[in-house]
C-alpha atoms as a PDB file:
ATOM      1  CA  UNK A   1       0.000   0.000   0.000  1.00  0.00           C
ATOM      2  CA  UNK A   2       2.804   2.424   0.931  1.00  0.00           C
ATOM      3  CA  UNK A   3       4.565   1.887  -2.397  1.00  0.00           C
ATOM      4  CA  UNK A   4       1.438   1.980  -4.550  1.00  0.00           C
ATOM      5  CA  UNK A   5      -0.006   5.111  -2.951  1.00  0.00           C
ATOM      6  CA  UNK A   6       3.390   6.749  -2.239  1.00  0.00           C
ATOM      7  CA  UNK A   7       2.726   7.269   1.455  1.00  0.00           C
ATOM      8  CA  UNK A   8       4.859   6.535   4.512  1.00  0.00           C
ATOM      9  CA  UNK A   9       3.245   3.973   6.777  1.00  0.00           C
ATOM     10  CA  UNK A  10       4.094   3.117  10.359  1.00  0.00           C
ATOM     11  CA  UNK A  11       2.115   2.092  13.401  1.00  0.00           C
ATOM     12  CA  UNK A  12       3.229   1.786  17.001  1.00  0.00           C
ATOM     13  CA  UNK A  13       1.203   0.100  19.718  1.00  0.00           C
ATOM     14  CA  UNK A  14       1.704   1.778  23.114  1.00  0.00           C
ATOM     15  CA  UNK A  15      -1.086   1.278  25.637  1.00  0.00           C
ATOM     16  CA  UNK A  16       0.464   3.862  27.979  1.00  0.00           C
ATOM     17  CA  UNK A  17       0.304   6.541  25.280  1.00  0.00           C
ATOM     18  CA  UNK A  18      -3.354   6.027  24.440  1.00  0.00           C
ATOM     19  CA  UNK A  19      -5.153   9.369  24.538  1.00  0.00           C
ATOM     20  CA  UNK A  20      -2.010  11.433  25.129  1.00  0.00           C
ATOM     21  CA  UNK A  21      -0.920  12.330  21.601  1.00  0.00           C
ATOM     22  CA  UNK A  22      -0.854  15.688  19.867  1.00  0.00           C
ATOM     23  CA  UNK A  23      -4.180  15.017  18.166  1.00  0.00           C
ATOM     24  CA  UNK A  24      -5.814  14.280  21.526  1.00  0.00           C
ATOM     25  CA  UNK A  25      -4.458  17.548  22.930  1.00  0.00           C
ATOM     26  CA  UNK A  26      -5.714  19.545  19.953  1.00  0.00           C
ATOM     27  CA  UNK A  27      -9.129  17.915  20.170  1.00  0.00           C
ATOM     28  CA  UNK A  28      -9.353  18.687  23.872  1.00  0.00           C
ATOM     29  CA  UNK A  29      -8.335  22.302  23.280  1.00  0.00           C
ATOM     30  CA  UNK A  30     -10.940  22.786  20.549  1.00  0.00           C
ATOM     31  CA  UNK A  31     -13.688  21.201  22.655  1.00  0.00           C
ATOM     32  CA  UNK A  32     -12.782  23.443  25.610  1.00  0.00           C
ATOM     33  CA  UNK A  33     -12.811  26.591  23.435  1.00  0.00           C
ATOM     34  CA  UNK A  34     -16.178  25.731  21.897  1.00  0.00           C
ATOM     35  CA  UNK A  35     -17.637  24.749  25.286  1.00  0.00           C
ATOM     36  CA  UNK A  36     -16.484  28.066  26.781  1.00  0.00           C
ATOM     37  CA  UNK A  37     -18.053  29.962  23.873  1.00  0.00           C
ATOM     38  CA  UNK A  38     -21.282  27.994  24.302  1.00  0.00           C
ATOM     39  CA  UNK A  39     -21.377  28.858  28.009  1.00  0.00           C
ATOM     40  CA  UNK A  40     -20.988  32.514  27.017  1.00  0.00           C
ATOM     41  CA  UNK A  41     -24.082  32.265  24.824  1.00  0.00           C
ATOM     42  CA  UNK A  42     -22.846  31.109  21.407  1.00  0.00           C
ATOM     43  CA  UNK A  43     -24.921  28.254  20.038  1.00  0.00           C
ATOM     44  CA  UNK A  44     -24.048  25.293  17.900  1.00  0.00           C
ATOM     45  CA  UNK A  45     -26.459  22.602  16.791  1.00  0.00           C
ATOM     46  CA  UNK A  46     -24.529  20.781  14.094  1.00  0.00           C
ATOM     47  CA  UNK A  47     -21.023  19.782  13.091  1.00  0.00           C
ATOM     48  CA  UNK A  48     -20.982  22.735  10.702  1.00  0.00           C
ATOM     49  CA  UNK A  49     -21.850  25.119  13.577  1.00  0.00           C
ATOM     50  CA  UNK A  50     -19.183  23.516  15.793  1.00  0.00           C
ATOM     51  CA  UNK A  51     -16.488  23.999  13.130  1.00  0.00           C
ATOM     52  CA  UNK A  52     -17.548  27.595  12.491  1.00  0.00           C
ATOM     53  CA  UNK A  53     -17.461  28.407  16.206  1.00  0.00           C
ATOM     54  CA  UNK A  54     -14.090  26.664  16.637  1.00  0.00           C
ATOM     55  CA  UNK A  55     -12.671  28.655  13.706  1.00  0.00           C
ATOM     56  CA  UNK A  56     -13.810  31.869  15.400  1.00  0.00           C
ATOM     57  CA  UNK A  57     -12.228  30.859  18.719  1.00  0.00           C
ATOM     58  CA  UNK A  58      -8.761  29.931  17.412  1.00  0.00           C
ATOM     59  CA  UNK A  59      -6.709  30.774  14.348  1.00  0.00           C
ATOM     60  CA  UNK A  60      -3.844  28.481  15.383  1.00  0.00           C
ATOM     61  CA  UNK A  61      -5.742  25.229  14.856  1.00  0.00           C
ATOM     62  CA  UNK A  62      -7.104  24.632  11.358  1.00  0.00           C
ATOM     63  CA  UNK A  63     -10.617  23.234  11.480  1.00  0.00           C
ATOM     64  CA  UNK A  64     -12.535  21.731   8.575  1.00  0.00           C
ATOM     65  CA  UNK A  65     -15.868  19.975   8.441  1.00  0.00           C
ATOM     66  CA  UNK A  66     -15.759  16.426   7.150  1.00  0.00           C
ATOM     67  CA  UNK A  67     -19.135  15.620   5.636  1.00  0.00           C
ATOM     68  CA  UNK A  68     -20.866  12.255   5.362  1.00  0.00           C
ATOM     69  CA  UNK A  69     -20.084  12.343   1.643  1.00  0.00           C
ATOM     70  CA  UNK A  70     -16.361  12.815   2.421  1.00  0.00           C
ATOM     71  CA  UNK A  71     -16.474   9.859   4.813  1.00  0.00           C
ATOM     72  CA  UNK A  72     -18.332   7.650   2.331  1.00  0.00           C
ATOM     73  CA  UNK A  73     -15.796   8.446  -0.415  1.00  0.00           C
ATOM     74  CA  UNK A  74     -12.857   7.694   1.878  1.00  0.00           C
ATOM     75  CA  UNK A  75     -14.519   4.524   3.122  1.00  0.00           C
ATOM     76  CA  UNK A  76     -14.940   3.266  -0.441  1.00  0.00           C
ATOM     77  CA  UNK A  77     -11.272   3.983  -1.246  1.00  0.00           C
ATOM     78  CA  UNK A  78     -10.104   2.265   1.939  1.00  0.00           C
ATOM     79  CA  UNK A  79     -12.304  -0.774   1.325  1.00  0.00           C
ATOM     80  CA  UNK A  80     -10.682  -1.183  -2.097  1.00  0.00           C
ATOM     81  CA  UNK A  81      -7.201  -0.841  -0.581  1.00  0.00           C
ATOM     82  CA  UNK A  82      -7.866  -3.346   2.207  1.00  0.00           C
ATOM     83  CA  UNK A  83      -9.337  -5.921  -0.187  1.00  0.00           C
ATOM     84  CA  UNK A  84      -5.822  -6.486  -1.551  1.00  0.00           C
ATOM     85  CA  UNK A  85      -3.763  -5.666   1.558  1.00  0.00           C
ATOM     86  CA  UNK A  86      -1.748  -8.452   3.157  1.00  0.00           C
ATOM     87  CA  UNK A  87      -2.106  -9.041   6.869  1.00  0.00           C
ATOM     88  CA  UNK A  88       0.702  -8.719   9.391  1.00  0.00           C
ATOM     89  CA  UNK A  89       1.302 -12.053  11.161  1.00  0.00           C
ATOM     90  CA  UNK A  90       1.172 -12.311  14.978  1.00  0.00           C
ATOM     91  CA  UNK A  91      -0.376  -8.876  15.503  1.00  0.00           C
ATOM     92  CA  UNK A  92      -1.027  -9.527  19.208  1.00  0.00           C
ATOM     93  CA  UNK A  93       2.751  -9.788  19.735  1.00  0.00           C
ATOM     94  CA  UNK A  94       3.537  -6.796  17.523  1.00  0.00           C
ATOM     95  CA  UNK A  95       4.870  -3.597  19.080  1.00  0.00           C
ATOM     96  CA  UNK A  96       5.712  -1.554  15.969  1.00  0.00           C
ATOM     97  CA  UNK A  97       5.405  -1.869  12.186  1.00  0.00           C
ATOM     98  CA  UNK A  98       7.127   0.381   9.645  1.00  0.00           C
ATOM     99  CA  UNK A  99       7.166   0.012   5.862  1.00  0.00           C
ATOM    100  CA  UNK A 100      10.742   0.501   4.630  1.00  0.00           C
ATOM    101  CA  UNK A 101      10.198  -0.226   0.934  1.00  0.00           C
ATOM    102  CA  UNK A 102       8.050  -2.383  -1.343  1.00  0.00           C
ATOM    103  CA  UNK A 103       9.560  -5.638  -0.035  1.00  0.00           C
ATOM    104  CA  UNK A 104      10.799  -4.711   3.442  1.00  0.00           C
ATOM    105  CA  UNK A 105       8.849  -4.113   6.629  1.00  0.00           C
ATOM    106  CA  UNK A 106      10.432  -3.468  10.013  1.00  0.00           C
ATOM    107  CA  UNK A 107       8.424  -5.320  12.660  1.00  0.00           C
ATOM    108  CA  UNK A 108       9.275  -5.197  16.369  1.00  0.00           C
ATOM    109  CA  UNK A 109       7.582  -7.859  18.500  1.00  0.00           C
ATOM    110  CA  UNK A 110       7.074  -8.480  22.208  1.00  0.00           C
ATOM    111  CA  UNK A 111       8.583 -11.671  23.588  1.00  0.00           C
END
């Protein structure tokens, strides 16, 4: 998949890091900003309203609305990719997977 779609792929499995990444911090910040604005009287009733309010509250975090149509299109593309994707053996023992090139994957396993 990485070679065909020219994307870098890696995945690390760290239970202790769950919910502590940059994305989680950004999401928490945006939710707090929108919640504070809502408490001050601004209303939002849809995802579109939430994004608009978040965009007003911060210029440092780029917010976009992902529509159902966007999700459906991505889902279709991913389904086609995963139909031909090969599985990684012994995933329960796997700690980290990184695609090096078309024929080489770096896999670190737990003992």
